[in-house]
Each structure stands twice: as C-alpha cells, then as structure tokens.
C-alpha cells in the first residue's frame, strides 16, 4: 500500500520543505515508498527555492533541498494526497476552508504526530536567526520519524 503526504506552511520556503526533506530521508533510509511534497497556503514564493537558512540547516544534516521549489496548495492536493499536514493552526484553518467537500485527504498538524505536542504550532523561523532553523529541523525530524512509523504499520 502506497502512502502520500503533503506538508503545508504559509510560504513553502521554511518549515514545509524541511518537513518534506526530513520525511523523505526517513522513508528512504527505511525503504518505505511514500509520495512526499510540500506547499504553501500563500503564493508569495511560488517557484522560489527554499530560504537559504533552511537549505543550510538541511545541508548541515546531510540533505539537499536546493532543488525544491515553492508552490501553492491546490484543490487537487486534497484528492492526490492521503495526508495533508499543516505546520500551524492558522494554516490548518486555511486548509479546512479550502478543502473540497469530497476530499479524501486527512488533515492534521505536524505536532499531532509527536506525543504530548498535539495541537501545537511549529514555530516559524523565518523572522529569526539560524538557531530557529536548527530547532525547526530537530522538530520536523522527530515528527518525520513518528510519521514513518505510523505509515509503516498502516
């Protein structure tokens, strides 16, 4: 059984591409075949590569995300993906508002997949310094590990 996951943040240049990279790395290392992508609810960064600080933290952890390009969530994403996972509550609300009535995707927050953190937001590191990107990488990696385990069993 194949699975598909779409990670969503506001601009698709920081948190969601890092989550995409972390889950892709987890799945590749375990041999699990999962379709993984990321998108933003906004359109400001469509076609742009991830933030340089996001690229740097990913590279520091052995993952290249420079080839990724920002895109905006579309109505078809709710049919093309099994799981649409928001980085924060505002983006989750925006996704719920955009979700077509006949959508098949399950919506959740990334931290719903970390014990004791359900309902929490992944802090947006965009307006901060490199330390915020290190924290985001650590958090999305922990969530990716948990997601991979869930996808393996079901």
C-alpha atoms as a PDB file:
ATOM      1  CA  UNK A   1       0.000   0.000   0.000  1.00  0.00           C
ATOM      2  CA  UNK A   2       1.458   3.346  -1.053  1.00  0.00           C
ATOM      3  CA  UNK A   3       1.048   6.476   1.042  1.00  0.00           C
ATOM      4  CA  UNK A   4       1.245  10.149   0.174  1.00  0.00           C
ATOM      5  CA  UNK A   5       1.923  13.132   2.423  1.00  0.00           C
ATOM      6  CA  UNK A   6       1.787  16.863   1.727  1.00  0.00           C
ATOM      7  CA  UNK A   7       3.302  19.270   4.257  1.00  0.00           C
ATOM      8  CA  UNK A   8       1.918  22.808   4.304  1.00  0.00           C
ATOM      9  CA  UNK A   9       3.115  26.090   5.796  1.00  0.00           C
ATOM     10  CA  UNK A  10       2.483  29.687   4.807  1.00  0.00           C
ATOM     11  CA  UNK A  11       5.065  30.344   2.076  1.00  0.00           C
ATOM     12  CA  UNK A  12       6.582  26.908   1.416  1.00  0.00           C
ATOM     13  CA  UNK A  13      10.170  28.076   1.880  1.00  0.00           C
ATOM     14  CA  UNK A  14      10.999  27.158   5.506  1.00  0.00           C
ATOM     15  CA  UNK A  15       9.017  24.695   7.589  1.00  0.00           C
ATOM     16  CA  UNK A  16       7.188  22.613   4.989  1.00  0.00           C
ATOM     17  CA  UNK A  17      10.220  21.945   2.750  1.00  0.00           C
ATOM     18  CA  UNK A  18      12.199  20.958   5.851  1.00  0.00           C
ATOM     19  CA  UNK A  19       9.419  18.568   6.898  1.00  0.00           C
ATOM     20  CA  UNK A  20       9.285  17.187   3.349  1.00  0.00           C
ATOM     21  CA  UNK A  21      13.046  16.603   3.395  1.00  0.00           C
ATOM     22  CA  UNK A  22      13.006  15.020   6.849  1.00  0.00           C
ATOM     23  CA  UNK A  23      10.247  12.548   5.976  1.00  0.00           C
ATOM     24  CA  UNK A  24      11.830  11.756   2.608  1.00  0.00           C
ATOM     25  CA  UNK A  25      15.113  10.991   4.382  1.00  0.00           C
ATOM     26  CA  UNK A  26      13.350   8.794   6.965  1.00  0.00           C
ATOM     27  CA  UNK A  27      11.456   6.865   4.293  1.00  0.00           C
ATOM     28  CA  UNK A  28      14.469   6.461   2.009  1.00  0.00           C
ATOM     29  CA  UNK A  29      16.580   5.130   4.865  1.00  0.00           C
ATOM     30  CA  UNK A  30      13.890   2.628   5.857  1.00  0.00           C
ATOM     31  CA  UNK A  31      12.934   1.596   2.316  1.00  0.00           C
ATOM     32  CA  UNK A  32       9.358   2.857   2.698  1.00  0.00           C
ATOM     33  CA  UNK A  33       7.790   4.078  -0.542  1.00  0.00           C
ATOM     34  CA  UNK A  34       5.889   7.300   0.185  1.00  0.00           C
ATOM     35  CA  UNK A  35       4.998  10.184  -2.129  1.00  0.00           C
ATOM     36  CA  UNK A  36       6.050  13.354  -0.304  1.00  0.00           C
ATOM     37  CA  UNK A  37       5.648  17.000  -1.252  1.00  0.00           C
ATOM     38  CA  UNK A  38       5.192  20.410   0.330  1.00  0.00           C
ATOM     39  CA  UNK A  39       3.212  23.542  -0.458  1.00  0.00           C
ATOM     40  CA  UNK A  40       2.160  26.866   0.980  1.00  0.00           C
ATOM     41  CA  UNK A  41      -1.231  28.380   1.599  1.00  0.00           C
ATOM     42  CA  UNK A  42       0.118  31.678   0.240  1.00  0.00           C
ATOM     43  CA  UNK A  43       1.511  32.400  -3.204  1.00  0.00           C
ATOM     44  CA  UNK A  44       4.394  34.776  -2.359  1.00  0.00           C
ATOM     45  CA  UNK A  45       7.175  32.265  -3.020  1.00  0.00           C
ATOM     46  CA  UNK A  46       5.793  30.163  -5.869  1.00  0.00           C
ATOM     47  CA  UNK A  47       8.708  28.945  -7.992  1.00  0.00           C
ATOM     48  CA  UNK A  48      11.353  30.015  -5.478  1.00  0.00           C
ATOM     49  CA  UNK A  49      13.857  27.733  -3.793  1.00  0.00           C
ATOM     50  CA  UNK A  50      13.725  27.313  -0.004  1.00  0.00           C
ATOM     51  CA  UNK A  51      15.102  30.015   2.272  1.00  0.00           C
ATOM     52  CA  UNK A  52      18.922  29.928   2.332  1.00  0.00           C
ATOM     53  CA  UNK A  53      18.865  29.242   6.087  1.00  0.00           C
ATOM     54  CA  UNK A  54      16.547  26.256   5.549  1.00  0.00           C
ATOM     55  CA  UNK A  55      18.881  24.984   2.848  1.00  0.00           C
ATOM     56  CA  UNK A  56      21.852  25.445   5.185  1.00  0.00           C
ATOM     57  CA  UNK A  57      20.321  23.524   8.092  1.00  0.00           C
ATOM     58  CA  UNK A  58      19.234  20.705   5.786  1.00  0.00           C
ATOM     59  CA  UNK A  59      22.729  20.541   4.234  1.00  0.00           C
ATOM     60  CA  UNK A  60      24.288  20.534   7.702  1.00  0.00           C
ATOM     61  CA  UNK A  61      22.205  17.399   8.333  1.00  0.00           C
ATOM     62  CA  UNK A  62      23.185  15.750   5.047  1.00  0.00           C
ATOM     63  CA  UNK A  63      20.107  16.647   2.987  1.00  0.00           C
ATOM     64  CA  UNK A  64      19.972  18.828  -0.134  1.00  0.00           C
ATOM     65  CA  UNK A  65      16.753  20.824  -0.579  1.00  0.00           C
ATOM     66  CA  UNK A  66      18.065  23.370  -3.081  1.00  0.00           C
ATOM     67  CA  UNK A  67      16.154  21.710  -5.931  1.00  0.00           C
ATOM     68  CA  UNK A  68      12.752  22.175  -4.240  1.00  0.00           C
ATOM     69  CA  UNK A  69      10.508  24.976  -5.484  1.00  0.00           C
ATOM     70  CA  UNK A  70       7.685  26.701  -3.660  1.00  0.00           C
ATOM     71  CA  UNK A  71       4.153  26.061  -4.777  1.00  0.00           C
ATOM     72  CA  UNK A  72       0.677  26.885  -3.521  1.00  0.00           C
ATOM     73  CA  UNK A  73      -1.839  24.319  -2.310  1.00  0.00           C
ATOM     74  CA  UNK A  74      -4.433  23.394  -4.940  1.00  0.00           C
ATOM     75  CA  UNK A  75      -7.859  21.779  -4.679  1.00  0.00           C
ATOM     76  CA  UNK A  76      -6.473  18.634  -6.314  1.00  0.00           C
ATOM     77  CA  UNK A  77      -3.982  18.199  -3.456  1.00  0.00           C
ATOM     78  CA  UNK A  78      -6.890  17.148  -1.237  1.00  0.00           C
ATOM     79  CA  UNK A  79      -7.520  14.264  -3.657  1.00  0.00           C
ATOM     80  CA  UNK A  80      -3.919  13.474  -4.600  1.00  0.00           C
ATOM     81  CA  UNK A  81      -2.589  13.060  -1.045  1.00  0.00           C
ATOM     82  CA  UNK A  82      -3.688  10.776   1.784  1.00  0.00           C
ATOM     83  CA  UNK A  83      -2.386  13.159   4.447  1.00  0.00           C
ATOM     84  CA  UNK A  84      -2.179  16.954   4.337  1.00  0.00           C
ATOM     85  CA  UNK A  85      -0.214  18.096   7.355  1.00  0.00           C
ATOM     86  CA  UNK A  86      -0.119  21.746   8.418  1.00  0.00           C
ATOM     87  CA  UNK A  87       2.741  23.320  10.315  1.00  0.00           C
ATOM     88  CA  UNK A  88       0.473  25.527  12.433  1.00  0.00           C
ATOM     89  CA  UNK A  89      -3.130  26.129  13.406  1.00  0.00           C
ATOM     90  CA  UNK A  90      -3.665  29.126  11.106  1.00  0.00           C
ATOM     91  CA  UNK A  91      -2.578  27.108   8.079  1.00  0.00           C
ATOM     92  CA  UNK A  92      -4.753  24.222   9.255  1.00  0.00           C
ATOM     93  CA  UNK A  93      -7.762  26.570   9.397  1.00  0.00           C
ATOM     94  CA  UNK A  94      -6.899  27.870   5.919  1.00  0.00           C
ATOM     95  CA  UNK A  95      -6.667  24.300   4.621  1.00  0.00           C
ATOM     96  CA  UNK A  96     -10.017  23.406   6.166  1.00  0.00           C
ATOM     97  CA  UNK A  97     -11.571  26.387   4.401  1.00  0.00           C
ATOM     98  CA  UNK A  98     -10.033  25.368   1.044  1.00  0.00           C
ATOM     99  CA  UNK A  99     -10.794  21.671   1.387  1.00  0.00           C
ATOM    100  CA  UNK A 100     -13.320  20.467  -1.223  1.00  0.00           C
ATOM    101  CA  UNK A 101     -16.389  18.658   0.118  1.00  0.00           C
ATOM    102  CA  UNK A 102     -15.399  15.355  -1.499  1.00  0.00           C
ATOM    103  CA  UNK A 103     -11.743  15.467  -0.425  1.00  0.00           C
ATOM    104  CA  UNK A 104     -10.042  12.256   0.645  1.00  0.00           C
ATOM    105  CA  UNK A 105      -7.030  13.684   2.473  1.00  0.00           C
ATOM    106  CA  UNK A 106      -6.839  13.550   6.240  1.00  0.00           C
ATOM    107  CA  UNK A 107      -5.878  16.929   7.731  1.00  0.00           C
ATOM    108  CA  UNK A 108      -3.695  17.258  10.810  1.00  0.00           C
ATOM    109  CA  UNK A 109      -0.998  19.347  12.445  1.00  0.00           C
ATOM    110  CA  UNK A 110       2.593  18.145  12.303  1.00  0.00           C
ATOM    111  CA  UNK A 111       2.845  18.123  16.088  1.00  0.00           C
ATOM    112  CA  UNK A 112      -0.235  15.918  16.329  1.00  0.00           C
ATOM    113  CA  UNK A 113       2.296  13.219  15.414  1.00  0.00           C
ATOM    114  CA  UNK A 114       4.532  13.866  18.450  1.00  0.00           C
ATOM    115  CA  UNK A 115       3.360  12.566  21.818  1.00  0.00           C
ATOM    116  CA  UNK A 116       2.459  15.383  24.177  1.00  0.00           C
ATOM    117  CA  UNK A 117       2.557  18.091  21.470  1.00  0.00           C
ATOM    118  CA  UNK A 118      -0.812  17.648  19.736  1.00  0.00           C
ATOM    119  CA  UNK A 119      -2.374  20.955  18.750  1.00  0.00           C
ATOM    120  CA  UNK A 120       0.893  22.907  18.946  1.00  0.00           C
ATOM    121  CA  UNK A 121       2.363  25.033  16.163  1.00  0.00           C
ATOM    122  CA  UNK A 122       5.794  24.561  14.620  1.00  0.00           C
ATOM    123  CA  UNK A 123       7.357  27.973  15.261  1.00  0.00           C
ATOM    124  CA  UNK A 124       8.066  29.867  12.046  1.00  0.00           C
ATOM    125  CA  UNK A 125      11.831  30.501  11.921  1.00  0.00           C
ATOM    126  CA  UNK A 126      11.590  32.957   9.002  1.00  0.00           C
ATOM    127  CA  UNK A 127      11.940  36.150  11.049  1.00  0.00           C
ATOM    128  CA  UNK A 128      14.584  34.754  13.386  1.00  0.00           C
ATOM    129  CA  UNK A 129      18.167  33.590  13.128  1.00  0.00           C
ATOM    130  CA  UNK A 130      19.829  30.283  12.272  1.00  0.00           C
ATOM    131  CA  UNK A 131      19.076  28.812  15.714  1.00  0.00           C
ATOM    132  CA  UNK A 132      15.372  28.829  14.860  1.00  0.00           C
ATOM    133  CA  UNK A 133      16.084  26.736  11.770  1.00  0.00           C
ATOM    134  CA  UNK A 134      18.086  24.256  13.866  1.00  0.00           C
ATOM    135  CA  UNK A 135      15.112  23.917  16.215  1.00  0.00           C
ATOM    136  CA  UNK A 136      12.704  23.518  13.304  1.00  0.00           C
ATOM    137  CA  UNK A 137      14.911  20.798  11.780  1.00  0.00           C
ATOM    138  CA  UNK A 138      15.022  18.921  15.104  1.00  0.00           C
ATOM    139  CA  UNK A 139      11.235  19.129  15.467  1.00  0.00           C
ATOM    140  CA  UNK A 140      10.338  18.133  11.912  1.00  0.00           C
ATOM    141  CA  UNK A 141      12.824  15.268  12.110  1.00  0.00           C
ATOM    142  CA  UNK A 142      11.198  13.940  15.281  1.00  0.00           C
ATOM    143  CA  UNK A 143       7.766  14.214  13.673  1.00  0.00           C
ATOM    144  CA  UNK A 144       9.044  12.552  10.473  1.00  0.00           C
ATOM    145  CA  UNK A 145      10.364   9.619  12.481  1.00  0.00           C
ATOM    146  CA  UNK A 146       6.952   9.164  14.116  1.00  0.00           C
ATOM    147  CA  UNK A 147       5.102   9.578  10.818  1.00  0.00           C
ATOM    148  CA  UNK A 148       7.293   6.984   9.126  1.00  0.00           C
ATOM    149  CA  UNK A 149       6.472   4.502  11.886  1.00  0.00           C
ATOM    150  CA  UNK A 150       2.751   5.198  11.519  1.00  0.00           C
ATOM    151  CA  UNK A 151       2.904   4.834   7.749  1.00  0.00           C
ATOM    152  CA  UNK A 152       4.771   1.540   8.050  1.00  0.00           C
ATOM    153  CA  UNK A 153       2.002  -0.022  10.115  1.00  0.00           C
ATOM    154  CA  UNK A 154      -0.949   1.364   8.343  1.00  0.00           C
END
